[in-house]
C-alpha atoms as a PDB file:
ATOM      1  CA  MET A   1     -26.556 -88.925 -87.692  1.00  0.00           C
ATOM      2  CA  LYS A   2     -23.809 -89.205 -84.949  1.00  0.00           C
ATOM      3  CA  ILE A   3     -23.575 -86.563 -82.208  1.00  0.00           C
ATOM      4  CA  ARG A   4     -20.767 -86.401 -79.701  1.00  0.00           C
ATOM      5  CA  GLU A   5     -21.034 -84.105 -76.764  1.00  0.00           C
ATOM      6  CA  TYR A   6     -18.039 -82.738 -74.964  1.00  0.00           C
ATOM      7  CA  LEU A   7     -19.394 -81.185 -71.842  1.00  0.00           C
ATOM      8  CA  ILE A   8     -17.433 -79.388 -69.181  1.00  0.00           C
ATOM      9  CA  SER A   9     -17.427 -81.257 -65.805  1.00  0.00           C
ATOM     10  CA  ARG A  10     -19.708 -79.780 -63.199  1.00  0.00           C
ATOM     11  CA  MET A  11     -19.671 -79.905 -59.470  1.00  0.00           C
ATOM     12  CA  SER A  12     -21.183 -78.085 -56.511  1.00  0.00           C
ATOM     13  CA  ILE A  13     -18.752 -75.909 -54.564  1.00  0.00           C
ATOM     14  CA  GLN A  14     -19.525 -77.811 -51.400  1.00  0.00           C
ATOM     15  CA  GLU A  15     -18.580 -81.232 -52.995  1.00  0.00           C
ATOM     16  CA  PHE A  16     -15.376 -79.546 -54.457  1.00  0.00           C
ATOM     17  CA  ALA A  17     -14.402 -78.250 -50.945  1.00  0.00           C
ATOM     18  CA  ASP A  18     -15.108 -81.638 -49.380  1.00  0.00           C
ATOM     19  CA  LYS A  19     -13.178 -83.484 -52.039  1.00  0.00           C
ATOM     20  CA  ASN A  20     -10.100 -81.303 -51.785  1.00  0.00           C
ATOM     21  CA  ASP A  21     -10.189 -80.618 -48.066  1.00  0.00           C
ATOM     22  CA  LEU A  22     -10.890 -77.058 -48.406  1.00  0.00           C
ATOM     23  CA  THR A  23     -12.351 -74.461 -45.859  1.00  0.00           C
ATOM     24  CA  LEU A  24     -14.543 -71.764 -47.230  1.00  0.00           C
ATOM     25  CA  GLU A  25     -14.538 -68.485 -45.090  1.00  0.00           C
ATOM     26  CA  ILE A  26     -17.463 -66.210 -45.061  1.00  0.00           C
ATOM     27  CA  HIS A  27     -16.742 -62.673 -43.811  1.00  0.00           C
ATOM     28  CA  GLU A  28     -19.174 -59.743 -43.120  1.00  0.00           C
ATOM     29  CA  ARG A  29     -17.915 -56.282 -44.028  1.00  0.00           C
ATOM     30  CA  GLY A  30     -18.290 -53.691 -41.370  1.00  0.00           C
ATOM     31  CA  ILE A  31     -18.968 -50.908 -43.980  1.00  0.00           C
ATOM     32  CA  TYR A  32     -20.331 -52.186 -47.177  1.00  0.00           C
ATOM     33  CA  ASP A  33     -21.940 -51.110 -50.511  1.00  0.00           C
ATOM     34  CA  THR A  34     -25.354 -52.253 -51.578  1.00  0.00           C
ATOM     35  CA  GLY A  35     -25.009 -55.876 -52.619  1.00  0.00           C
ATOM     36  CA  ARG A  36     -21.492 -56.420 -51.144  1.00  0.00           C
ATOM     37  CA  ARG A  37     -22.150 -56.851 -47.597  1.00  0.00           C
ATOM     38  CA  TYR A  38     -20.387 -60.278 -47.521  1.00  0.00           C
ATOM     39  CA  TYR A  39     -17.317 -61.861 -49.290  1.00  0.00           C
ATOM     40  CA  VAL A  40     -16.140 -65.272 -49.315  1.00  0.00           C
ATOM     41  CA  TYR A  41     -12.992 -67.374 -50.315  1.00  0.00           C
ATOM     42  CA  PHE A  42     -11.181 -70.567 -49.905  1.00  0.00           C
ATOM     43  CA  GLU A  43      -8.727 -70.358 -46.980  1.00  0.00           C
ATOM     44  CA  HIS A  44      -5.006 -70.157 -48.062  1.00  0.00           C
ATOM     45  CA  THR A  45      -5.600 -70.272 -51.623  1.00  0.00           C
ATOM     46  CA  GLU A  46      -4.970 -68.229 -54.846  1.00  0.00           C
ATOM     47  CA  ILE A  47      -6.101 -68.551 -58.413  1.00  0.00           C
ATOM     48  CA  SER A  48      -4.102 -69.064 -61.524  1.00  0.00           C
ATOM     49  CA  GLU A  49      -5.276 -69.104 -65.154  1.00  0.00           C
ATOM     50  CA  GLU A  50      -4.121 -71.735 -67.413  1.00  0.00           C
ATOM     51  CA  GLY A  51      -0.700 -70.936 -68.940  1.00  0.00           C
ATOM     52  CA  ARG A  52      -0.147 -68.144 -66.556  1.00  0.00           C
ATOM     53  CA  ALA A  53       2.393 -68.067 -63.884  1.00  0.00           C
ATOM     54  CA  MET A  54       0.908 -65.084 -61.992  1.00  0.00           C
ATOM     55  CA  LEU A  55      -1.292 -65.823 -58.980  1.00  0.00           C
ATOM     56  CA  ILE A  56      -4.202 -63.603 -58.083  1.00  0.00           C
ATOM     57  CA  SER A  57      -6.455 -63.506 -55.142  1.00  0.00           C
ATOM     58  CA  ALA A  58     -10.135 -64.140 -55.796  1.00  0.00           C
ATOM     59  CA  HIS A  59     -13.348 -63.728 -53.656  1.00  0.00           C
ATOM     60  CA  GLY A  60     -17.033 -63.675 -54.086  1.00  0.00           C
ATOM     61  CA  ASN A  61     -19.324 -60.702 -53.049  1.00  0.00           C
ATOM     62  CA  GLY A  62     -23.047 -60.777 -52.118  1.00  0.00           C
ATOM     63  CA  SER A  63     -25.772 -59.136 -50.078  1.00  0.00           C
ATOM     64  CA  THR A  64     -26.005 -62.545 -48.258  1.00  0.00           C
ATOM     65  CA  GLY A  65     -23.339 -65.281 -47.591  1.00  0.00           C
ATOM     66  CA  GLU A  66     -25.195 -67.597 -50.233  1.00  0.00           C
ATOM     67  CA  GLU A  67     -24.988 -64.997 -52.958  1.00  0.00           C
ATOM     68  CA  ALA A  68     -21.316 -64.415 -52.103  1.00  0.00           C
ATOM     69  CA  ILE A  69     -20.764 -68.001 -52.588  1.00  0.00           C
ATOM     70  CA  GLU A  70     -22.496 -68.239 -55.931  1.00  0.00           C
ATOM     71  CA  ASP A  71     -20.542 -65.231 -57.077  1.00  0.00           C
ATOM     72  CA  TYR A  72     -17.348 -66.996 -55.969  1.00  0.00           C
ATOM     73  CA  ALA A  73     -18.024 -70.189 -57.743  1.00  0.00           C
ATOM     74  CA  LYS A  74     -18.643 -68.364 -60.914  1.00  0.00           C
ATOM     75  CA  GLU A  75     -15.331 -66.279 -60.353  1.00  0.00           C
ATOM     76  CA  ILE A  76     -13.116 -69.308 -60.084  1.00  0.00           C
ATOM     77  CA  SER A  77     -14.762 -71.818 -62.287  1.00  0.00           C
ATOM     78  CA  LYS A  78     -12.482 -73.413 -65.014  1.00  0.00           C
ATOM     79  CA  LYS A  79      -9.302 -71.957 -63.424  1.00  0.00           C
ATOM     80  CA  TYR A  80      -6.598 -73.296 -61.241  1.00  0.00           C
ATOM     81  CA  LEU A  81      -6.834 -73.178 -57.405  1.00  0.00           C
ATOM     82  CA  VAL A  82      -3.292 -73.006 -55.879  1.00  0.00           C
ATOM     83  CA  VAL A  83      -3.408 -74.074 -52.157  1.00  0.00           C
ATOM     84  CA  ASP A  84      -0.608 -73.052 -49.907  1.00  0.00           C
ATOM     85  CA  ALA A  85       1.246 -71.525 -52.819  1.00  0.00           C
ATOM     86  CA  HIS A  86       4.504 -70.465 -51.036  1.00  0.00           C
ATOM     87  CA  THR A  87       5.017 -73.614 -48.925  1.00  0.00           C
ATOM     88  CA  LEU A  88       6.398 -77.131 -49.471  1.00  0.00           C
ATOM     89  CA  ASP A  89       2.678 -78.359 -49.263  1.00  0.00           C
ATOM     90  CA  ARG A  90       1.809 -76.446 -52.390  1.00  0.00           C
ATOM     91  CA  ARG A  91      -1.170 -77.934 -54.421  1.00  0.00           C
ATOM     92  CA  GLU A  92      -2.659 -77.017 -57.802  1.00  0.00           C
ATOM     93  CA  ILE A  93      -6.114 -78.055 -58.381  1.00  0.00           C
ATOM     94  CA  ARG A  94      -8.040 -77.748 -61.668  1.00  0.00           C
ATOM     95  CA  ILE A  95     -11.429 -76.279 -60.877  1.00  0.00           C
ATOM     96  CA  PRO A  96     -14.522 -77.641 -62.738  1.00  0.00           C
ATOM     97  CA  LYS A  97     -17.503 -75.515 -63.577  1.00  0.00           C
ATOM     98  CA  LEU A  98     -18.834 -74.814 -60.003  1.00  0.00           C
ATOM     99  CA  PHE A  99     -22.232 -74.056 -58.827  1.00  0.00           C
ATOM    100  CA  TYR A 100     -23.786 -73.408 -55.405  1.00  0.00           C
ATOM    101  CA  ASP A 101     -26.009 -76.384 -54.285  1.00  0.00           C
ATOM    102  CA  LYS A 102     -28.935 -74.497 -52.441  1.00  0.00           C
ATOM    103  CA  GLU A 103     -30.548 -77.619 -51.362  1.00  0.00           C
ATOM    104  CA  ARG A 104     -27.322 -78.725 -49.580  1.00  0.00           C
ATOM    105  CA  GLY A 105     -26.646 -75.212 -48.125  1.00  0.00           C
ATOM    106  CA  LEU A 106     -23.739 -74.503 -45.829  1.00  0.00           C
ATOM    107  CA  LYS A 107     -23.490 -78.161 -44.570  1.00  0.00           C
END
């Protein structure tokens, strides 16, 4: 029997940010609902889904910064990250399946 696996590429969100020279912003809300104290996103970015021209903003939410990062990684995985969308420096990056590397932390 022959078996071929076609797996989706995976990468930590920290490695993805380093590789693409991205800055992850973590914000604390002044007033928040339970579980939504923090929100995170990559600076100067928007998200596009394959085959769609419309750009959307995306962010992750959580009761801690790390939970918000985990949520953001799930939210943007397997989509396109558009950096500096309305400038001459525009970049589009295919996002692999992302995860938050807890051992590495916020380094």
